[in-house]
């Protein structure tokens, strides 16, 4: 926008009483509506928490079992061992730093409450950054309409960026969102104020330590810094990233492992070191066939057009090109789903960049119109493009209840009743605060199980592993495996009471792998069934 046009906006939106009156109006408007997003965020968190505690009979349970994988890993890190079982090295976490971050909390009975508090703080920090970004984008726009609009857009960011859903996963994604917002804020700050800040560079380096996916942001931003002639800063960031991320990979390698954790290898062709053209094309095809992937793909089109538009300032085109490259990398190698946590970092960057690119159009659209009409238009846009995240606002308590009725009850069965080694396919709660061996047949907690599941098509490997580790009881979703060993004896099925949201399946099956243990296990199951929450059904064969 030209200087003269910016002046017109200021004149149009300033109070007739002059600058002093304009500032007064600004303060009044901010007091009434501007900070309403913080109030809404707080109220939604309280409502979700109350619903979770009510459904779970007073138990704070996160919506994903994966949160307890990190806590189980943190328990052993505190004892000087990296892995789920004390006598076995394993790599179940997709985050380098998060399990270490949880070490002080993992042994505590109130560990869940501490993690929730941390994620709430990260959520509010994200909201502060959103406000700061919007103020930076619309600094040429003054008056009541601006403050009403920023307050409203900040409120819409709560569902649009899945901020509430991320809080209650109990995982690192709330912190990942903070770093993603810091990165895009730092890029815009650089081109508008010609200044590279320490917090921007810190986010570039630290982001991949929180989630490997943030490499899709950090690497293109290094190119951005080089093109902005910030060569030394780019070099220092690259060296620090290489030391920290590469150092962790060397640690894994020294233990006879791959350079990436198994949890990452399961999801990424980069981590599995399969970068053939067919694999890369397959990644892009997978993204386009996924609903969220296709929306992200469509969102990248304006970025590409702006990047190629010679009428736009070169430094702004550089921003659009950098973000487009970030999106392209995610389309090639990223994943989607699991309560919106895999793709949310890139989606929030796209939304922020689109607001930046359309900022002049937005001001023209808002100015002179009834704010109610403006609100309706933007609500419809967010409702259509962010429907899965809006839905999460209503399903979060049920997602928590799924984990309470399934994985938490399996944990109780293993720790309070059976008190011997078991095998599972969901590792989190069954292994957390459990001193007995837990064999993970899916492979995140067992490298041997991971390799054999990926390579062998029959079920002999499953039977061989349970016998090798002295496991007599297996508790799994039978549908996710290609078959069940014929020697395993089905003993019981446990059913969800409420609609399935975050659980992979409605039913878990209990098997006995040793004929002589049938009656003992049956007796344990009968006692266990009497302790189950109301509505959870255990059908003993």
Protein backbone atom coordinates (compact mmCIF):
# COMPACT_ATOMS: atom_id res chain seq x y z
CA UNK A 1 0.00 0.00 0.00
CA UNK A 2 1.36 3.45 -0.90
CA UNK A 3 2.02 6.19 1.65
CA UNK A 4 -0.88 8.30 0.34
CA UNK A 5 -3.30 5.38 0.55
CA UNK A 6 -2.16 4.65 4.10
CA UNK A 7 -2.84 8.31 4.95
CA UNK A 8 -6.36 8.02 3.54
CA UNK A 9 -7.00 5.04 5.78
CA UNK A 10 -5.79 6.93 8.82
CA UNK A 11 -7.98 9.96 8.03
CA UNK A 12 -10.99 7.81 7.38
CA UNK A 13 -10.69 5.80 10.56
CA UNK A 14 -9.53 8.50 13.00
CA UNK A 15 -12.01 10.17 15.33
CA UNK A 16 -12.94 13.77 14.26
CA UNK A 17 -11.53 15.03 17.54
CA UNK A 18 -7.98 14.50 16.36
CA UNK A 19 -5.17 12.20 17.44
CA UNK A 20 -5.85 12.46 21.17
CA UNK A 21 -9.50 11.50 20.71
CA UNK A 22 -8.42 8.69 18.39
CA UNK A 23 -6.11 7.30 21.06
CA UNK A 24 -8.90 7.54 23.64
CA UNK A 25 -11.24 5.61 21.37
CA UNK A 26 -8.49 3.07 20.78
CA UNK A 27 -8.07 2.46 24.50
CA UNK A 28 -11.82 2.25 25.09
CA UNK A 29 -12.33 -0.22 22.27
CA UNK A 30 -9.46 -2.40 23.43
CA UNK A 31 -10.94 -2.49 26.90
CA UNK A 32 -14.33 -3.65 25.63
CA UNK A 33 -13.64 -6.12 22.84
CA UNK A 34 -9.99 -6.15 21.85
CA UNK A 35 -8.84 -8.72 24.43
CA UNK A 36 -11.96 -10.86 24.29
CA UNK A 37 -10.02 -13.74 22.73
CA UNK A 38 -8.14 -14.27 26.00
CA UNK A 39 -11.42 -14.44 27.91
CA UNK A 40 -12.89 -16.86 25.37
CA UNK A 41 -9.78 -19.05 25.50
CA UNK A 42 -9.92 -19.21 29.29
CA UNK A 43 -13.64 -20.03 29.35
CA UNK A 44 -13.30 -22.76 26.72
CA UNK A 45 -10.44 -24.40 28.63
CA UNK A 46 -12.50 -24.37 31.85
CA UNK A 47 -15.54 -25.83 30.07
CA UNK A 48 -13.51 -28.58 28.39
CA UNK A 49 -11.75 -29.44 31.65
CA UNK A 50 -15.02 -29.60 33.59
CA UNK A 51 -16.58 -31.88 30.96
CA UNK A 52 -13.52 -34.16 30.99
CA UNK A 53 -13.53 -34.49 34.78
CA UNK A 54 -17.28 -35.18 34.77
CA UNK A 55 -17.07 -37.88 32.09
CA UNK A 56 -13.98 -39.50 33.64
CA UNK A 57 -15.23 -39.58 37.24
CA UNK A 58 -12.75 -36.94 38.35
CA UNK A 59 -9.73 -38.21 36.39
CA UNK A 60 -7.78 -35.78 34.21
CA UNK A 61 -6.94 -37.85 31.13
CA UNK A 62 -5.50 -36.45 27.91
CA UNK A 63 -7.17 -37.07 24.57
CA UNK A 64 -4.27 -39.07 23.12
CA UNK A 65 -2.52 -42.08 24.64
CA UNK A 66 0.72 -40.83 23.06
CA UNK A 67 1.04 -38.25 25.85
CA UNK A 68 1.72 -41.08 28.27
CA UNK A 69 4.40 -42.55 26.01
CA UNK A 70 6.39 -39.38 26.66
CA UNK A 71 5.73 -39.62 30.39
CA UNK A 72 6.77 -43.27 30.46
CA UNK A 73 9.95 -42.40 28.56
CA UNK A 74 10.62 -39.48 30.91
CA UNK A 75 10.36 -41.84 33.90
CA UNK A 76 13.26 -43.89 32.57
CA UNK A 77 15.28 -40.88 31.39
CA UNK A 78 15.25 -39.77 35.03
CA UNK A 79 16.89 -43.12 35.86
CA UNK A 80 19.52 -42.66 33.14
CA UNK A 81 17.93 -44.91 30.49
CA UNK A 82 16.33 -44.00 27.15
CA UNK A 83 13.47 -46.36 26.43
CA UNK A 84 10.11 -47.63 27.65
CA UNK A 85 11.39 -50.80 29.33
CA UNK A 86 14.37 -50.48 31.64
CA UNK A 87 16.35 -53.26 29.93
CA UNK A 88 15.62 -52.24 26.33
CA UNK A 89 16.58 -49.21 24.25
CA UNK A 90 13.69 -47.79 22.20
CA UNK A 91 12.73 -44.56 20.44
CA UNK A 92 8.95 -44.00 20.78
CA UNK A 93 8.97 -40.19 20.79
CA UNK A 94 8.72 -37.87 17.76
CA UNK A 95 10.14 -35.03 19.86
CA UNK A 96 13.76 -34.71 20.87
CA UNK A 97 13.32 -32.34 23.79
CA UNK A 98 9.79 -32.92 25.12
CA UNK A 99 10.48 -36.16 27.08
CA UNK A 100 13.47 -34.47 28.75
CA UNK A 101 11.27 -31.49 29.51
CA UNK A 102 8.86 -33.81 31.36
CA UNK A 103 11.49 -35.51 33.53
CA UNK A 104 10.76 -33.42 36.67
CA UNK A 105 7.00 -34.07 36.38
CA UNK A 106 6.83 -37.73 35.28
CA UNK A 107 7.16 -39.34 38.76
CA UNK A 108 4.49 -37.07 40.28
CA UNK A 109 0.89 -38.17 40.75
CA UNK A 110 -0.14 -34.74 39.49
CA UNK A 111 2.02 -34.96 36.33
CA UNK A 112 -1.05 -34.53 34.12
CA UNK A 113 -2.04 -31.32 35.89
CA UNK A 114 1.45 -29.86 35.45
CA UNK A 115 1.45 -30.68 31.72
CA UNK A 116 -2.00 -29.16 31.33
CA UNK A 117 -0.82 -25.95 33.03
CA UNK A 118 2.19 -25.80 30.72
CA UNK A 119 0.05 -26.26 27.62
CA UNK A 120 -2.42 -23.62 28.83
CA UNK A 121 0.49 -21.19 29.24
CA UNK A 122 1.69 -22.05 25.72
CA UNK A 123 -1.85 -21.48 24.43
CA UNK A 124 -1.99 -18.00 25.95
CA UNK A 125 1.50 -17.26 24.61
CA UNK A 126 0.24 -18.26 21.15
CA UNK A 127 -2.65 -15.83 21.56
CA UNK A 128 -0.25 -13.02 22.54
CA UNK A 129 1.79 -13.73 19.41
CA UNK A 130 -1.36 -13.72 17.24
CA UNK A 131 -2.27 -10.28 18.57
CA UNK A 132 1.27 -9.05 17.97
CA UNK A 133 1.22 -10.37 14.40
CA UNK A 134 -2.14 -8.77 13.61
CA UNK A 135 -1.02 -5.43 15.05
CA UNK A 136 2.11 -5.58 12.89
CA UNK A 137 0.10 -6.38 9.75
CA UNK A 138 -2.48 -3.62 10.27
CA UNK A 139 -0.28 -0.90 11.73
CA UNK A 140 -1.36 1.49 8.92
CA UNK A 141 -5.02 1.08 9.97
CA UNK A 142 -6.42 3.00 12.94
CA UNK A 143 -9.75 3.34 14.68
CA UNK A 144 -12.57 1.36 16.21
CA UNK A 145 -13.07 -0.98 13.25
CA UNK A 146 -9.48 -2.16 13.42
CA UNK A 147 -9.70 -3.09 17.09
CA UNK A 148 -13.04 -4.82 16.71
CA UNK A 149 -11.70 -6.75 13.75
CA UNK A 150 -8.44 -7.81 15.45
CA UNK A 151 -10.35 -8.95 18.54
CA UNK A 152 -12.74 -10.97 16.41
CA UNK A 153 -10.02 -12.54 14.24
CA UNK A 154 -8.05 -13.47 17.36
CA UNK A 155 -11.14 -15.29 18.66
CA UNK A 156 -11.51 -17.14 15.36
CA UNK A 157 -7.89 -18.26 15.61
CA UNK A 158 -8.80 -20.41 18.62
CA UNK A 159 -10.74 -22.97 16.53
CA UNK A 160 -8.88 -22.23 13.28
CA UNK A 161 -5.52 -23.17 14.82
CA UNK A 162 -6.90 -25.96 17.03
CA UNK A 163 -5.50 -24.22 20.11
CA UNK A 164 -7.91 -25.90 22.56
CA UNK A 165 -7.51 -29.34 20.98
CA UNK A 166 -3.71 -29.15 21.25
CA UNK A 167 -3.84 -28.21 24.93
CA UNK A 168 -5.74 -31.35 25.87
CA UNK A 169 -3.60 -33.78 23.86
CA UNK A 170 -1.04 -33.38 26.64
CA UNK A 171 1.71 -33.32 24.05
CA UNK A 172 4.28 -30.91 22.65
CA UNK A 173 2.15 -29.42 19.88
CA UNK A 174 1.11 -26.33 21.87
CA UNK A 175 4.79 -25.47 22.19
CA UNK A 176 5.33 -26.32 18.52
CA UNK A 177 2.62 -23.81 17.59
CA UNK A 178 4.39 -21.12 19.63
CA UNK A 179 7.61 -21.67 17.70
CA UNK A 180 5.79 -21.69 14.35
CA UNK A 181 4.17 -18.34 15.18
CA UNK A 182 7.51 -16.93 16.33
CA UNK A 183 9.10 -17.95 13.02
CA UNK A 184 6.47 -16.31 10.82
CA UNK A 185 6.40 -13.22 13.06
CA UNK A 186 10.19 -13.01 12.82
CA UNK A 187 10.12 -13.21 9.03
CA UNK A 188 7.54 -10.39 8.74
CA UNK A 189 9.37 -8.37 11.40
CA UNK A 190 12.56 -8.60 9.35
CA UNK A 191 11.06 -7.26 6.13
CA UNK A 192 9.01 -4.53 7.82
CA UNK A 193 11.54 -3.33 10.40
CA UNK A 194 14.78 -4.58 8.82
CA UNK A 195 15.70 -6.29 12.06
CA UNK A 196 16.50 -9.91 12.93
CA UNK A 197 15.57 -10.62 16.54
CA UNK A 198 17.05 -13.14 18.95
CA UNK A 199 13.66 -14.79 19.58
CA UNK A 200 13.21 -15.34 15.85
CA UNK A 201 16.56 -17.08 15.50
CA UNK A 202 15.91 -19.08 18.69
CA UNK A 203 12.61 -20.34 17.25
CA UNK A 204 14.33 -21.36 14.01
CA UNK A 205 16.85 -23.45 15.96
CA UNK A 206 14.57 -24.79 18.72
CA UNK A 207 11.54 -25.66 16.58
CA UNK A 208 12.95 -28.95 15.19
CA UNK A 209 13.88 -30.02 18.72
CA UNK A 210 10.20 -29.86 19.66
CA UNK A 211 8.95 -31.60 16.49
CA UNK A 212 10.97 -32.84 13.53
CA UNK A 213 8.30 -31.39 11.22
CA UNK A 214 9.53 -27.91 12.09
CA UNK A 215 12.54 -28.58 9.87
CA UNK A 216 10.09 -27.79 7.04
CA UNK A 217 9.96 -24.25 8.48
CA UNK A 218 13.52 -23.81 9.66
CA UNK A 219 15.35 -24.92 6.50
CA UNK A 220 13.48 -22.55 4.10
CA UNK A 221 13.91 -19.74 6.63
CA UNK A 222 17.67 -20.27 6.49
CA UNK A 223 17.41 -19.68 2.74
CA UNK A 224 15.34 -16.56 3.50
CA UNK A 225 18.10 -15.26 5.80
CA UNK A 226 20.75 -15.88 3.15
CA UNK A 227 18.75 -14.05 0.48
CA UNK A 228 18.29 -11.20 2.97
CA UNK A 229 22.10 -11.16 3.26
CA UNK A 230 22.06 -12.39 6.86
CA UNK A 231 24.78 -14.92 6.06
CA UNK A 232 26.42 -15.13 9.49
CA UNK A 233 23.10 -15.53 11.29
CA UNK A 234 22.00 -18.24 8.85
CA UNK A 235 25.31 -20.06 9.29
CA UNK A 236 25.15 -19.92 13.10
CA UNK A 237 21.56 -21.23 13.05
CA UNK A 238 22.51 -24.04 10.71
CA UNK A 239 25.48 -25.06 12.84
CA UNK A 240 23.40 -25.06 16.03
CA UNK A 241 20.65 -27.11 14.35
CA UNK A 242 23.22 -29.56 13.02
CA UNK A 243 24.81 -29.94 16.46
CA UNK A 244 21.52 -30.38 18.33
CA UNK A 245 19.45 -32.45 15.87
CA UNK A 246 22.50 -34.21 14.43
CA UNK A 247 23.86 -34.89 17.90
CA UNK A 248 20.66 -36.67 18.89
CA UNK A 249 20.83 -38.72 15.67
CA UNK A 250 24.41 -39.72 16.51
CA UNK A 251 23.23 -40.75 19.98
CA UNK A 252 20.61 -43.01 18.38
CA UNK A 253 23.18 -44.39 15.96
CA UNK A 254 25.60 -45.24 18.75
CA UNK A 255 22.86 -47.39 20.28
CA UNK A 256 22.61 -49.33 17.02
CA UNK A 257 19.52 -47.48 15.89
CA UNK A 258 18.50 -45.50 12.84
CA UNK A 259 19.28 -41.76 12.72
CA UNK A 260 15.59 -41.02 13.41
CA UNK A 261 13.22 -42.35 16.10
CA UNK A 262 10.93 -45.21 15.13
CA UNK A 263 7.91 -42.98 15.71
CA UNK A 264 9.22 -40.67 12.96
CA UNK A 265 10.29 -43.50 10.65
CA UNK A 266 6.73 -44.81 10.66
CA UNK A 267 5.43 -41.54 9.21
CA UNK A 268 8.13 -40.06 7.00
CA UNK A 269 10.02 -41.17 3.91
CA UNK A 270 12.80 -38.76 4.89
CA UNK A 271 13.30 -40.52 8.22
CA UNK A 272 13.28 -43.93 6.55
CA UNK A 273 15.89 -42.58 4.10
CA UNK A 274 13.68 -43.45 1.14
CA UNK A 275 13.93 -40.42 -1.14
CA UNK A 276 13.39 -42.08 -4.50
CA UNK A 277 11.24 -40.10 -6.98
CA UNK A 278 8.41 -42.61 -6.62
CA UNK A 279 8.39 -42.14 -2.85
CA UNK A 280 8.35 -38.34 -3.11
CA UNK A 281 5.58 -38.38 -5.72
CA UNK A 282 3.70 -40.81 -3.51
CA UNK A 283 3.98 -38.34 -0.61
CA UNK A 284 2.50 -35.54 -2.72
CA UNK A 285 -0.27 -37.83 -3.94
CA UNK A 286 -1.07 -38.83 -0.36
CA UNK A 287 -1.33 -35.16 0.64
CA UNK A 288 -3.66 -34.33 -2.24
CA UNK A 289 -5.92 -37.27 -1.42
CA UNK A 290 -6.20 -36.22 2.21
CA UNK A 291 -8.88 -33.63 3.04
CA UNK A 292 -6.60 -31.41 5.11
CA UNK A 293 -3.73 -31.90 2.67
CA UNK A 294 -5.90 -30.70 -0.20
CA UNK A 295 -7.00 -27.58 1.73
CA UNK A 296 -3.34 -26.80 2.50
CA UNK A 297 -2.51 -27.32 -1.17
CA UNK A 298 -5.23 -24.83 -2.19
CA UNK A 299 -3.99 -22.36 0.43
CA UNK A 300 -0.54 -22.38 -1.18
CA UNK A 301 -1.84 -21.08 -4.54
CA UNK A 302 -2.10 -17.40 -3.53
CA UNK A 303 1.41 -17.66 -2.10
CA UNK A 304 2.72 -18.89 -5.43
CA UNK A 305 0.93 -16.15 -7.37
CA UNK A 306 2.22 -13.42 -5.06
CA UNK A 307 5.73 -14.83 -5.24
CA UNK A 308 5.65 -14.52 -9.04
CA UNK A 309 3.96 -11.10 -9.14
CA UNK A 310 6.59 -8.50 -10.10
CA UNK A 311 4.31 -5.65 -8.93
CA UNK A 312 4.81 -6.72 -5.30
CA UNK A 313 7.88 -5.59 -3.41
CA UNK A 314 10.79 -8.01 -3.66
CA UNK A 315 11.10 -8.52 0.10
CA UNK A 316 7.41 -9.40 0.37
CA UNK A 317 7.71 -11.82 -2.55
CA UNK A 318 10.58 -13.39 -0.64
CA UNK A 319 8.23 -14.01 2.31
CA UNK A 320 5.63 -15.63 0.09
CA UNK A 321 8.27 -17.76 -1.61
CA UNK A 322 9.68 -18.90 1.74
CA UNK A 323 6.29 -19.93 3.10
CA UNK A 324 5.40 -21.61 -0.20
CA UNK A 325 8.56 -23.70 0.08
CA UNK A 326 7.62 -24.62 3.66
CA UNK A 327 4.18 -25.75 2.49
CA UNK A 328 5.65 -27.68 -0.43
CA UNK A 329 7.98 -29.60 1.88
CA UNK A 330 5.08 -30.56 4.12
CA UNK A 331 3.02 -31.67 1.13
CA UNK A 332 5.89 -33.95 0.09
CA UNK A 333 6.85 -35.40 3.44
CA UNK A 334 4.24 -34.42 6.05
CA UNK A 335 1.31 -36.22 7.62
CA UNK A 336 -2.22 -35.24 8.63
CA UNK A 337 -4.79 -36.02 11.25
CA UNK A 338 -4.59 -37.57 14.72
CA UNK A 339 -6.64 -34.77 16.21
CA UNK A 340 -5.19 -32.19 13.86
CA UNK A 341 -1.76 -32.25 15.45
CA UNK A 342 0.43 -33.28 12.52
CA UNK A 343 -0.35 -30.45 10.10
CA UNK A 344 -1.40 -27.64 12.42
CA UNK A 345 1.99 -25.93 12.47
CA UNK A 346 2.00 -25.41 8.69
CA UNK A 347 -1.71 -24.54 8.56
CA UNK A 348 -1.29 -21.70 11.06
CA UNK A 349 1.66 -20.35 9.04
CA UNK A 350 -0.47 -20.42 5.87
CA UNK A 351 -3.34 -18.56 7.58
CA UNK A 352 -1.02 -15.89 8.95
CA UNK A 353 0.67 -15.41 5.58
CA UNK A 354 -2.67 -15.19 3.76
CA UNK A 355 -3.80 -12.46 6.16
CA UNK A 356 -0.53 -10.64 5.44
CA UNK A 357 -0.99 -10.94 1.69
CA UNK A 358 -4.67 -9.87 1.75
CA UNK A 359 -4.27 -7.19 4.44
CA UNK A 360 -5.13 -4.28 2.12
CA UNK A 361 -8.12 -6.14 0.68
CA UNK A 362 -9.29 -6.98 4.19
CA UNK A 363 -9.21 -3.33 5.26
CA UNK A 364 -11.17 -2.30 2.14
CA UNK A 365 -13.71 -5.05 2.81
CA UNK A 366 -14.19 -4.19 6.49
CA UNK A 367 -14.21 -0.39 6.22
CA UNK A 368 -17.73 1.05 6.00
CA UNK A 369 -19.51 -2.30 6.41
CA UNK A 370 -21.55 -3.48 9.35
CA UNK A 371 -19.27 -5.52 11.58
CA UNK A 372 -21.95 -8.17 12.00
CA UNK A 373 -21.85 -8.87 8.25
CA UNK A 374 -18.05 -9.00 8.36
CA UNK A 375 -18.18 -11.44 11.26
CA UNK A 376 -20.60 -13.73 9.43
CA UNK A 377 -18.37 -13.88 6.34
CA UNK A 378 -15.24 -14.73 8.32
CA UNK A 379 -17.08 -17.27 10.48
CA UNK A 380 -18.29 -19.06 7.35
CA UNK A 381 -14.76 -19.06 5.93
CA UNK A 382 -13.26 -20.52 9.11
CA UNK A 383 -16.13 -22.98 9.51
CA UNK A 384 -15.58 -24.29 5.98
CA UNK A 385 -11.77 -24.40 5.86
CA UNK A 386 -11.21 -25.42 9.50
CA UNK A 387 -14.20 -27.69 10.10
CA UNK A 388 -12.14 -30.58 11.61
CA UNK A 389 -10.66 -28.21 14.21
CA UNK A 390 -14.01 -26.62 14.99
CA UNK A 391 -15.39 -30.11 15.53
CA UNK A 392 -12.59 -30.87 18.01
CA UNK A 393 -13.97 -28.17 20.32
CA UNK A 394 -17.06 -30.36 20.81
CA UNK A 395 -15.39 -33.79 20.82
CA UNK A 396 -12.42 -33.15 23.14
CA UNK A 397 -14.18 -34.45 26.30
CA UNK A 398 -15.23 -37.62 24.46
CA UNK A 399 -11.69 -38.07 23.14
CA UNK A 400 -10.40 -37.95 26.70
CA UNK A 401 -13.13 -40.36 27.79
CA UNK A 402 -12.07 -42.83 25.08
CA UNK A 403 -8.56 -43.00 26.56
CA UNK A 404 -10.02 -43.26 30.07
CA UNK A 405 -12.28 -46.15 29.10
CA UNK A 406 -9.65 -48.04 27.13
CA UNK A 407 -5.96 -47.36 27.70
CA UNK A 408 -6.29 -46.19 31.30
CA UNK A 409 -8.31 -49.30 32.16
CA UNK A 410 -5.69 -51.51 30.49
CA UNK A 411 -3.14 -49.74 32.70
CA UNK A 412 -5.23 -50.57 35.77
CA UNK A 413 -5.57 -54.19 34.67
CA UNK A 414 -1.79 -54.52 34.22
CA UNK A 415 -0.68 -52.63 37.34
CA UNK A 416 -3.41 -53.28 39.91
CA UNK A 417 -4.67 -56.76 38.97
CA UNK A 418 -2.47 -58.86 36.67
CA UNK A 419 0.93 -57.52 37.83
CA UNK A 420 2.95 -59.40 35.18
CA UNK A 421 4.36 -58.58 31.71
CA UNK A 422 1.78 -57.89 29.00
CA UNK A 423 1.81 -57.10 25.26
CA UNK A 424 -0.13 -54.19 23.72
CA UNK A 425 -0.37 -52.05 20.60
CA UNK A 426 -1.10 -48.75 22.40
CA UNK A 427 1.92 -48.17 24.57
CA UNK A 428 1.26 -45.04 26.63
CA UNK A 429 -0.91 -45.71 29.67
CA UNK A 430 -0.10 -49.46 29.86
CA UNK A 431 3.62 -48.68 30.27
CA UNK A 432 3.36 -45.52 32.41
CA UNK A 433 3.95 -46.17 36.12
CA UNK A 434 4.27 -49.88 35.36
CA UNK A 435 7.40 -51.67 36.63
CA UNK A 436 6.67 -54.83 34.63
CA UNK A 437 7.81 -55.44 31.06
CA UNK A 438 5.46 -54.13 28.35
CA UNK A 439 5.94 -55.56 24.85
CA UNK A 440 4.76 -53.12 22.19
CA UNK A 441 3.67 -55.22 19.21
CA UNK A 442 3.22 -52.06 17.12
CA UNK A 443 6.92 -51.42 17.57
CA UNK A 444 7.38 -47.96 19.09
CA UNK A 445 8.58 -49.44 22.37
CA UNK A 446 10.39 -52.41 20.83
CA UNK A 447 12.86 -52.12 17.95
CA UNK A 448 12.66 -55.87 17.37
CA UNK A 449 8.86 -55.76 17.07
CA UNK A 450 9.09 -52.72 14.79
CA UNK A 451 11.49 -54.41 12.37
CA UNK A 452 9.65 -57.71 12.29
CA UNK A 453 6.23 -56.13 11.85
CA UNK A 454 7.52 -54.07 8.91
CA UNK A 455 9.24 -57.02 7.21
CA UNK A 456 7.28 -60.19 8.03
CA UNK A 457 3.79 -60.82 6.68
CA UNK A 458 2.75 -63.85 8.77
CA UNK A 459 1.96 -63.87 12.50
CA UNK A 460 4.80 -66.11 13.63
CA UNK A 461 6.87 -63.13 14.76
CA UNK A 462 4.16 -62.05 17.22
CA UNK A 463 4.04 -65.46 18.87
CA UNK A 464 7.84 -65.70 18.91
CA UNK A 465 8.21 -62.35 20.68
CA UNK A 466 5.61 -62.98 23.40
CA UNK A 467 7.31 -66.29 24.20
CA UNK A 468 10.77 -64.72 24.14
CA UNK A 469 9.77 -62.09 26.70
CA UNK A 470 7.58 -64.33 28.84
CA UNK A 471 4.32 -62.57 28.03
CA UNK A 472 1.18 -64.56 28.78
CA UNK A 473 -1.46 -61.85 28.22
CA UNK A 474 -1.91 -59.73 25.09
CA UNK A 475 -4.32 -56.76 24.96
CA UNK A 476 -4.71 -55.36 21.43
CA UNK A 477 -6.99 -54.20 18.64
CA UNK A 478 -7.09 -57.41 16.66
CA UNK A 479 -8.23 -55.60 13.47
CA UNK A 480 -4.99 -53.64 13.02
CA UNK A 481 -2.87 -56.76 12.56
CA UNK A 482 -2.97 -58.98 9.49
CA UNK A 483 -3.76 -61.96 11.66
CA UNK A 484 -3.60 -63.40 15.17
CA UNK A 485 -1.50 -66.47 16.05
CA UNK A 486 -3.71 -69.54 16.20
CA UNK A 487 -2.29 -70.57 19.58
CA UNK A 488 -3.53 -67.40 21.28
CA UNK A 489 -6.73 -67.91 23.22
CA UNK A 490 -9.27 -65.01 23.26
CA UNK A 491 -10.39 -64.43 26.83
CA UNK A 492 -12.38 -61.19 26.83
CA UNK A 493 -13.43 -58.10 24.89
CA UNK A 494 -13.74 -54.61 26.35
CA UNK A 495 -16.08 -52.13 24.66
CA UNK A 496 -16.25 -48.34 24.65
CA UNK A 497 -19.35 -46.80 26.18
CA UNK A 498 -19.30 -43.44 24.38
CA UNK A 499 -18.73 -42.61 20.66
CA UNK A 500 -15.22 -43.31 19.40
CA UNK A 501 -13.20 -40.14 18.85
CA UNK A 502 -9.50 -40.70 19.55
CA UNK A 503 -9.38 -44.45 20.16
CA UNK A 504 -8.30 -46.37 17.05
CA UNK A 505 -11.01 -49.01 17.55
CA UNK A 506 -14.10 -49.52 19.69
CA UNK A 507 -13.02 -52.89 21.08
CA UNK A 508 -9.86 -54.30 22.65
CA UNK A 509 -9.37 -58.04 22.94
CA UNK A 510 -7.59 -59.87 25.77
CA UNK A 511 -5.66 -63.00 24.73
CA UNK A 512 -3.86 -65.68 26.72
CA UNK A 513 -0.77 -67.08 25.00
CA UNK A 514 -0.18 -69.98 27.44
CA UNK A 515 -2.90 -72.60 27.88
CA UNK A 516 -2.03 -73.20 31.53
CA UNK A 517 -2.69 -69.55 32.44
CA UNK A 518 -6.32 -69.51 31.27
CA UNK A 519 -8.05 -69.96 34.59
CA UNK A 520 -5.77 -67.58 36.46
CA UNK A 521 -6.32 -64.87 33.85
CA UNK A 522 -10.06 -65.51 33.84
CA UNK A 523 -10.16 -65.00 37.59
CA UNK A 524 -8.18 -61.76 37.29
CA UNK A 525 -10.48 -60.52 34.53
CA UNK A 526 -13.56 -61.24 36.63
CA UNK A 527 -12.20 -59.21 39.53
CA UNK A 528 -11.10 -56.45 37.14
CA UNK A 529 -14.56 -56.29 35.52
CA UNK A 530 -16.13 -55.38 38.87
CA UNK A 531 -13.96 -52.25 39.08
CA UNK A 532 -14.65 -50.84 35.63
CA UNK A 533 -16.38 -47.44 35.25
CA UNK A 534 -20.10 -47.47 34.71
CA UNK A 535 -20.93 -48.25 31.10
CA UNK A 536 -17.62 -49.89 30.17
CA UNK A 537 -18.45 -53.46 29.25
CA UNK A 538 -16.04 -56.38 29.62
CA UNK A 539 -17.35 -59.53 27.98
CA UNK A 540 -15.45 -62.55 29.27
CA UNK A 541 -15.46 -65.58 26.98
